[in-house]
Amino acid sequence: MDLKKEMPDKLTLALNGAGEFRVLFISDFHAPSDRDWDERLPLAVGALLDHTGADLCVNLGDFISDGEMDSADRLLRYVAAIAAPCESRGVPWCHVPGNHDHEEGLPTEVLAAYPHCLSLRGPDSLPGYGTYAVPVMESPDSDVPAFMIWLFDSHRGTSQWAAEYGIPAPYDYTATTWGFDAGGGVYHAQARWFWELDKALEKKYGRKIPGVMGMHIPLQEHSLIPRNPSLTFMTGELEESAGIPAFNPGLFAAAYERGDISAIVSGHDHINSFAGKYMGIELSEDASLGYDVYGSDRIRGGRLITLKAADPMHPDSVHVYLKDCPGAVDFIFREGHDNA
């Protein structure tokens, strides 16, 4: 396995002088396809970046509500607007696609053209177009990763699942446990990819590399947190059922058995900010940041995970509320597209 082809080499991410690295996860912008986005969106991203001091911003998808913009001009202006908060601050950023994102409507290369964007299409051998790994090095001059950030395309829905597993269409899926989604989610091929690349990294560096995972649609295991709030030490809020897929790809099992994943963050459910631990791994949802889709100003924000070299399997994890960010009160409650 060629590790260089699996990971971006555009910029070097590294622990700071205190041996820490802060990752901000945000998602669900849902810009409309036929008019410009709400002007509060880039302001919200900037406020979160300033408040958290994030070293990397990971967008977990659903940039667009209808898959693509109605013109190339609107798309390019939109990408410029959402890239600006990170680019102007020199903060590296990357993304995975959500179930509302279509590659033809938001090509990875349009985002990756920005100097601080680390987004990749991922290996051609995998389904989808946004599964890859981002290393965080021990120091700026080191070529040894201290942590890995694993990012997964969670696809668009039933028809892709059917094709992947050879189930003839039409087929009426229903979620097997709890939630509303009927087919999106990470595939088993991606779980195998993680397992194989993680083992290759262990062989190359002589030890397991601790890490965290991110994807748009949550895993089935995410629903166990709000269903067992006391046993999982749940924090945050559940305001809608967890939108889990109908199939379980085995990714959580792979993460648990490898023993080097401490947290798995998802987007997708706009008014959930919960987090809790199951079998030693934190499972969380980051709440929507978009103003052109349903959401909640009360919990709007993102998930901040601080990786620590001194305690690599126990990162600090907190939901960052936009309303608590300095200056956000000046725009967060102002009427915009979502109230039109």
Protein backbone atom coordinates (compact mmCIF):
# COMPACT_ATOMS: atom_id res chain seq x y z
CA MET A 1 0.00 0.00 0.00
CA ASP A 2 1.38 3.41 -1.01
CA LEU A 3 0.74 5.56 2.05
CA LYS A 4 1.44 8.78 0.16
CA LYS A 5 -1.50 8.15 -2.15
CA GLU A 6 -3.85 7.76 0.82
CA MET A 7 -3.01 11.04 2.56
CA PRO A 8 -2.60 14.71 1.57
CA ASP A 9 0.91 16.16 1.43
CA LYS A 10 -0.01 19.74 0.60
CA LEU A 11 0.57 21.13 4.10
CA THR A 12 2.19 19.65 7.19
CA LEU A 13 -0.04 19.55 10.25
CA ALA A 14 1.79 19.20 13.55
CA LEU A 15 1.37 19.36 17.31
CA ASN A 16 1.97 22.75 18.85
CA GLY A 17 4.64 23.50 21.44
CA ALA A 18 2.39 22.16 24.19
CA GLY A 19 1.99 18.86 22.38
CA GLU A 20 -1.64 19.53 21.39
CA PHE A 21 -3.69 19.86 18.22
CA ARG A 22 -7.23 21.28 18.03
CA VAL A 23 -9.70 20.00 15.44
CA LEU A 24 -12.99 21.83 14.88
CA PHE A 25 -15.77 19.79 13.22
CA ILE A 26 -18.64 21.68 11.60
CA SER A 27 -21.32 20.73 9.07
CA ASP A 28 -24.65 21.21 7.34
CA PHE A 29 -24.48 24.59 5.62
CA HIS A 30 -27.23 23.62 3.13
CA ALA A 31 -26.83 26.62 0.84
CA PRO A 32 -29.75 26.95 -1.60
CA SER A 33 -29.09 26.19 -5.25
CA ASP A 34 -31.02 29.09 -6.78
CA ARG A 35 -30.08 32.08 -4.62
CA ASP A 36 -27.18 33.26 -2.54
CA TRP A 37 -26.55 31.81 0.93
CA ASP A 38 -27.26 33.57 4.19
CA GLU A 39 -24.54 36.12 4.95
CA ARG A 40 -24.28 34.93 8.55
CA LEU A 41 -22.70 31.62 7.51
CA PRO A 42 -19.06 32.76 6.99
CA LEU A 43 -19.40 35.01 10.04
CA ALA A 44 -20.37 32.00 12.12
CA VAL A 45 -17.41 29.94 10.86
CA GLY A 46 -15.03 32.80 11.60
CA ALA A 47 -16.41 33.29 15.10
CA LEU A 48 -15.91 29.61 15.91
CA LEU A 49 -12.36 29.63 14.53
CA ASP A 50 -11.43 32.68 16.59
CA HIS A 51 -13.01 31.33 19.76
CA THR A 52 -11.49 27.86 19.55
CA GLY A 53 -8.09 28.64 18.06
CA ALA A 54 -8.54 25.56 15.88
CA ASP A 55 -5.50 24.12 14.12
CA LEU A 56 -7.70 22.33 11.56
CA CYS A 57 -11.31 22.85 10.51
CA VAL A 58 -13.11 19.75 9.19
CA ASN A 59 -16.40 20.25 7.36
CA LEU A 60 -18.55 17.12 7.59
CA GLY A 61 -20.63 17.89 4.55
CA ASP A 62 -23.98 19.01 3.20
CA PHE A 63 -22.58 22.19 1.73
CA ILE A 64 -25.54 22.47 -0.67
CA SER A 65 -29.20 21.54 -0.24
CA ASP A 66 -29.93 20.33 -3.77
CA GLY A 67 -26.65 18.81 -4.88
CA GLU A 68 -25.41 21.63 -7.09
CA MET A 69 -25.72 25.36 -7.68
CA ASP A 70 -27.71 26.69 -10.61
CA SER A 71 -24.63 28.31 -12.16
CA ALA A 72 -20.85 28.03 -12.13
CA ASP A 73 -20.62 31.67 -11.07
CA ARG A 74 -22.76 31.08 -7.97
CA LEU A 75 -20.76 27.97 -7.08
CA LEU A 76 -17.41 29.73 -7.32
CA ARG A 77 -18.64 32.68 -5.25
CA TYR A 78 -20.06 30.32 -2.64
CA VAL A 79 -16.85 28.32 -2.34
CA ALA A 80 -14.91 31.58 -2.02
CA ALA A 81 -17.24 32.69 0.78
CA ILE A 82 -16.99 29.48 2.80
CA ALA A 83 -13.25 29.16 2.24
CA ALA A 84 -12.56 32.75 3.33
CA PRO A 85 -12.77 32.26 7.13
CA CYS A 86 -10.03 29.61 7.10
CA GLU A 87 -7.98 31.07 4.26
CA SER A 88 -7.87 34.57 5.75
CA ARG A 89 -6.72 33.15 9.10
CA GLY A 90 -4.26 30.67 7.65
CA VAL A 91 -6.14 27.73 9.18
CA PRO A 92 -5.91 24.42 7.28
CA TRP A 93 -9.28 22.90 6.41
CA CYS A 94 -10.78 19.90 4.64
CA HIS A 95 -14.11 18.22 4.05
CA VAL A 96 -16.10 15.08 3.41
CA PRO A 97 -19.25 15.10 1.26
CA GLY A 98 -22.71 14.87 2.81
CA ASN A 99 -25.76 13.09 1.42
CA HIS A 100 -26.93 16.35 -0.22
CA ASP A 101 -23.59 16.96 -1.94
CA HIS A 102 -22.99 15.71 -5.48
CA GLU A 103 -19.45 15.55 -6.82
CA GLU A 104 -20.53 17.03 -10.13
CA GLY A 105 -22.13 19.91 -8.24
CA LEU A 106 -19.26 20.58 -5.83
CA PRO A 107 -16.08 19.07 -7.28
CA THR A 108 -13.39 18.33 -4.72
CA GLU A 109 -10.85 20.07 -6.93
CA VAL A 110 -12.73 23.39 -6.62
CA LEU A 111 -12.24 23.30 -2.85
CA ALA A 112 -8.72 21.84 -2.98
CA ALA A 113 -7.56 24.71 -5.20
CA TYR A 114 -7.40 26.90 -2.09
CA PRO A 115 -3.94 27.00 -0.48
CA HIS A 116 -5.02 25.81 2.95
CA CYS A 117 -7.48 23.13 1.81
CA LEU A 118 -6.36 19.51 2.32
CA SER A 119 -9.42 17.83 0.81
CA LEU A 120 -8.87 14.73 -1.33
CA ARG A 121 -11.08 12.56 -3.52
CA GLY A 122 -9.52 9.53 -1.87
CA PRO A 123 -8.51 6.22 -3.45
CA ASP A 124 -10.27 5.30 -6.69
CA SER A 125 -10.69 1.77 -5.35
CA LEU A 126 -13.19 2.95 -2.73
CA PRO A 127 -16.85 3.78 -3.28
CA GLY A 128 -17.71 7.46 -3.16
CA TYR A 129 -15.27 10.30 -3.53
CA GLY A 130 -14.24 11.58 -0.10
CA THR A 131 -12.52 8.93 2.04
CA TYR A 132 -8.95 9.72 3.10
CA ALA A 133 -6.67 10.18 6.11
CA VAL A 134 -4.93 13.32 7.38
CA PRO A 135 -1.79 12.89 9.53
CA VAL A 136 -0.80 15.22 12.36
CA MET A 137 2.96 15.07 12.82
CA GLU A 138 4.88 15.06 16.09
CA SER A 139 6.49 18.39 15.15
CA PRO A 140 6.71 20.62 12.06
CA ASP A 141 10.05 19.04 11.15
CA SER A 142 9.03 15.45 11.87
CA ASP A 143 7.90 12.85 9.36
CA VAL A 144 6.33 10.69 12.08
CA PRO A 145 2.59 11.09 12.72
CA ALA A 146 1.42 11.67 16.28
CA PHE A 147 -2.26 11.30 15.32
CA MET A 148 -4.41 10.36 12.35
CA ILE A 149 -7.69 12.02 11.34
CA TRP A 150 -9.76 9.51 9.36
CA LEU A 151 -12.46 10.94 7.08
CA PHE A 152 -15.20 8.95 5.35
CA ASP A 153 -17.63 9.59 2.53
CA SER A 154 -21.01 8.39 3.88
CA HIS A 155 -22.75 8.52 0.50
CA ARG A 156 -26.22 9.56 -0.57
CA GLY A 157 -28.80 6.85 0.00
CA THR A 158 -30.59 3.67 -0.84
CA SER A 159 -29.66 3.20 -4.49
CA GLN A 160 -25.93 3.26 -3.79
CA TRP A 161 -26.27 0.77 -0.94
CA ALA A 162 -28.27 -1.53 -3.20
CA ALA A 163 -25.61 -1.40 -5.91
CA GLU A 164 -22.80 -1.97 -3.40
CA TYR A 165 -24.38 -5.10 -1.93
CA GLY A 166 -26.06 -6.46 -5.05
CA ILE A 167 -29.61 -5.96 -3.82
CA PRO A 168 -31.96 -5.51 -6.77
CA ALA A 169 -34.00 -2.33 -7.06
CA PRO A 170 -36.62 -1.40 -6.15
CA TYR A 171 -36.11 -2.28 -2.50
CA ASP A 172 -37.89 -0.57 0.38
CA TYR A 173 -35.39 -0.04 3.19
CA THR A 174 -36.30 0.75 6.76
CA ALA A 175 -33.78 1.61 9.47
CA THR A 176 -33.10 -1.50 11.49
CA THR A 177 -32.64 0.19 14.83
CA TRP A 178 -33.57 3.81 15.33
CA GLY A 179 -33.67 6.87 13.12
CA PHE A 180 -34.98 7.90 9.73
CA ASP A 181 -32.35 7.24 7.07
CA ALA A 182 -32.82 4.42 4.62
CA GLY A 183 -29.52 3.61 3.04
CA GLY A 184 -26.80 6.26 3.32
CA GLY A 185 -23.76 5.57 5.43
CA VAL A 186 -20.18 4.33 5.32
CA TYR A 187 -19.62 1.08 3.36
CA HIS A 188 -17.84 -2.05 4.51
CA ALA A 189 -15.15 -1.49 1.87
CA GLN A 190 -14.22 1.71 3.68
CA ALA A 191 -14.02 -0.11 7.00
CA ARG A 192 -11.61 -2.58 5.39
CA TRP A 193 -9.60 0.33 3.96
CA PHE A 194 -9.25 1.83 7.45
CA TRP A 195 -8.20 -1.51 8.92
CA GLU A 196 -5.58 -2.15 6.25
CA LEU A 197 -4.11 1.37 6.22
CA ASP A 198 -4.07 1.54 10.02
CA LYS A 199 -2.17 -1.74 10.16
CA ALA A 200 0.24 -0.50 7.47
CA LEU A 201 0.92 2.61 9.55
CA GLU A 202 1.57 0.46 12.61
CA LYS A 203 4.04 -1.66 10.66
CA LYS A 204 5.79 1.38 9.21
CA TYR A 205 6.20 3.27 12.50
CA GLY A 206 6.45 0.37 14.93
CA ARG A 207 3.39 1.40 16.94
CA LYS A 208 -0.29 2.15 16.55
CA ILE A 209 -1.08 5.75 15.66
CA PRO A 210 -4.01 7.11 17.74
CA GLY A 211 -6.71 8.99 15.91
CA VAL A 212 -10.26 10.23 15.48
CA MET A 213 -12.84 9.71 12.75
CA GLY A 214 -15.34 11.98 11.02
CA MET A 215 -18.19 11.41 8.57
CA HIS A 216 -21.49 13.04 7.65
CA ILE A 217 -24.08 10.34 8.38
CA PRO A 218 -23.64 8.85 11.87
CA LEU A 219 -22.98 5.18 12.50
CA GLN A 220 -25.63 2.92 13.95
CA GLU A 221 -23.67 3.00 17.21
CA HIS A 222 -24.25 6.75 17.54
CA SER A 223 -27.89 6.04 18.43
CA LEU A 224 -26.78 4.07 21.49
CA ILE A 225 -25.72 7.29 23.22
CA PRO A 226 -29.13 9.00 23.56
CA ARG A 227 -30.80 5.62 24.06
CA ASN A 228 -28.52 4.98 27.06
CA PRO A 229 -27.71 8.47 28.38
CA SER A 230 -26.64 7.51 31.90
CA LEU A 231 -24.58 4.47 30.88
CA THR A 232 -22.76 6.44 28.18
CA PHE A 233 -22.35 9.61 30.27
CA MET A 234 -24.16 11.59 27.60
CA THR A 235 -23.67 15.34 27.38
CA GLY A 236 -25.32 17.80 25.01
CA GLU A 237 -28.75 17.53 23.52
CA LEU A 238 -30.94 15.34 21.34
CA GLU A 239 -33.70 17.27 19.58
CA GLU A 240 -34.30 14.80 16.74
CA SER A 241 -33.71 11.09 16.34
CA ALA A 242 -30.25 10.08 15.20
CA GLY A 243 -30.37 9.59 11.42
CA ILE A 244 -28.55 6.28 11.30
CA PRO A 245 -28.29 4.05 8.22
CA ALA A 246 -30.13 0.79 7.69
CA PHE A 247 -26.88 -1.18 7.39
CA ASN A 248 -23.94 -1.50 9.75
CA PRO A 249 -20.63 -1.51 7.81
CA GLY A 250 -18.53 -2.70 10.74
CA LEU A 251 -16.50 0.51 10.99
CA PHE A 252 -17.09 0.93 14.71
CA ALA A 253 -16.11 -2.69 15.30
CA ALA A 254 -12.93 -2.16 13.29
CA ALA A 255 -12.11 0.99 15.27
CA TYR A 256 -12.73 -0.80 18.57
CA GLU A 257 -10.68 -3.85 17.63
CA ARG A 258 -7.77 -1.77 16.36
CA GLY A 259 -7.83 0.06 19.69
CA ASP A 260 -6.43 3.39 18.48
CA ILE A 261 -9.58 5.45 17.78
CA SER A 262 -10.79 7.69 20.61
CA ALA A 263 -13.67 9.61 18.99
CA ILE A 264 -16.05 9.45 16.02
CA VAL A 265 -17.81 12.70 15.03
CA SER A 266 -20.75 13.01 12.63
CA GLY A 267 -23.00 15.73 11.25
CA HIS A 268 -26.32 15.21 9.45
CA ASP A 269 -28.75 15.73 12.35
CA HIS A 270 -29.12 19.49 12.55
CA ILE A 271 -30.40 19.86 16.10
CA ASN A 272 -28.33 17.27 17.94
CA SER A 273 -25.22 18.15 19.92
CA PHE A 274 -24.89 15.02 22.03
CA ALA A 275 -21.74 13.11 22.89
CA GLY A 276 -21.14 10.00 24.95
CA LYS A 277 -18.83 7.01 25.26
CA TYR A 278 -19.55 3.49 24.09
CA MET A 279 -16.90 0.80 24.57
CA GLY A 280 -14.37 3.53 25.29
CA ILE A 281 -14.95 5.52 22.08
CA GLU A 282 -16.72 8.88 22.14
CA LEU A 283 -19.56 9.20 19.62
CA SER A 284 -20.88 12.69 18.91
CA GLU A 285 -22.91 14.86 16.54
CA ASP A 286 -21.91 18.46 15.82
CA ALA A 287 -25.24 20.30 15.17
CA SER A 288 -25.92 22.34 12.03
CA LEU A 289 -24.13 25.62 11.41
CA GLY A 290 -26.20 26.61 8.38
CA TYR A 291 -28.82 29.37 8.26
CA ASP A 292 -30.57 28.20 5.10
CA VAL A 293 -31.94 25.03 6.68
CA TYR A 294 -33.73 24.08 9.88
CA GLY A 295 -31.57 24.44 12.98
CA SER A 296 -31.42 25.88 16.46
CA ASP A 297 -29.68 29.09 17.47
CA ARG A 298 -29.55 27.68 20.99
CA ILE A 299 -27.18 24.82 20.08
CA ARG A 300 -25.72 26.05 16.77
CA GLY A 301 -21.96 25.43 16.74
CA GLY A 302 -19.41 22.65 16.28
CA ARG A 303 -17.45 19.90 18.02
CA LEU A 304 -13.92 20.79 19.18
CA ILE A 305 -11.56 17.90 19.87
CA THR A 306 -8.15 18.67 21.36
CA LEU A 307 -5.64 15.90 20.74
CA LYS A 308 -2.93 15.62 23.40
CA ALA A 309 0.40 13.85 23.06
CA ALA A 310 0.52 13.40 26.84
CA ASP A 311 -2.75 11.44 26.84
CA PRO A 312 -3.40 10.38 23.25
CA MET A 313 -6.45 8.17 23.85
CA HIS A 314 -8.28 10.72 25.98
CA PRO A 315 -8.67 13.94 23.96
CA ASP A 316 -10.64 16.85 25.31
CA SER A 317 -13.99 17.07 23.54
CA VAL A 318 -16.59 19.82 23.81
CA HIS A 319 -19.52 21.19 21.85
CA VAL A 320 -18.71 24.84 21.14
CA TYR A 321 -21.83 27.00 21.10
CA LEU A 322 -21.82 29.81 18.58
CA LYS A 323 -23.81 31.97 20.99
CA ASP A 324 -20.82 31.86 23.40
CA CYS A 325 -18.33 33.11 20.80
CA PRO A 326 -17.30 36.77 21.17
CA GLY A 327 -19.09 38.95 18.64
CA ALA A 328 -21.56 36.26 17.56
CA VAL A 329 -24.42 37.90 19.40
CA ASP A 330 -24.16 40.75 16.88
CA PHE A 331 -25.38 38.51 14.04
CA ILE A 332 -26.58 35.15 15.32
CA PHE A 333 -30.17 36.17 15.96
CA ARG A 334 -30.49 38.61 13.07
CA GLU A 335 -33.24 37.66 10.64
CA GLY A 336 -32.06 36.15 7.39
CA HIS A 337 -32.98 33.58 4.77
CA ASP A 338 -34.05 30.98 7.31
CA ASN A 339 -36.75 33.32 8.57
CA ALA A 340 -37.90 34.47 5.14
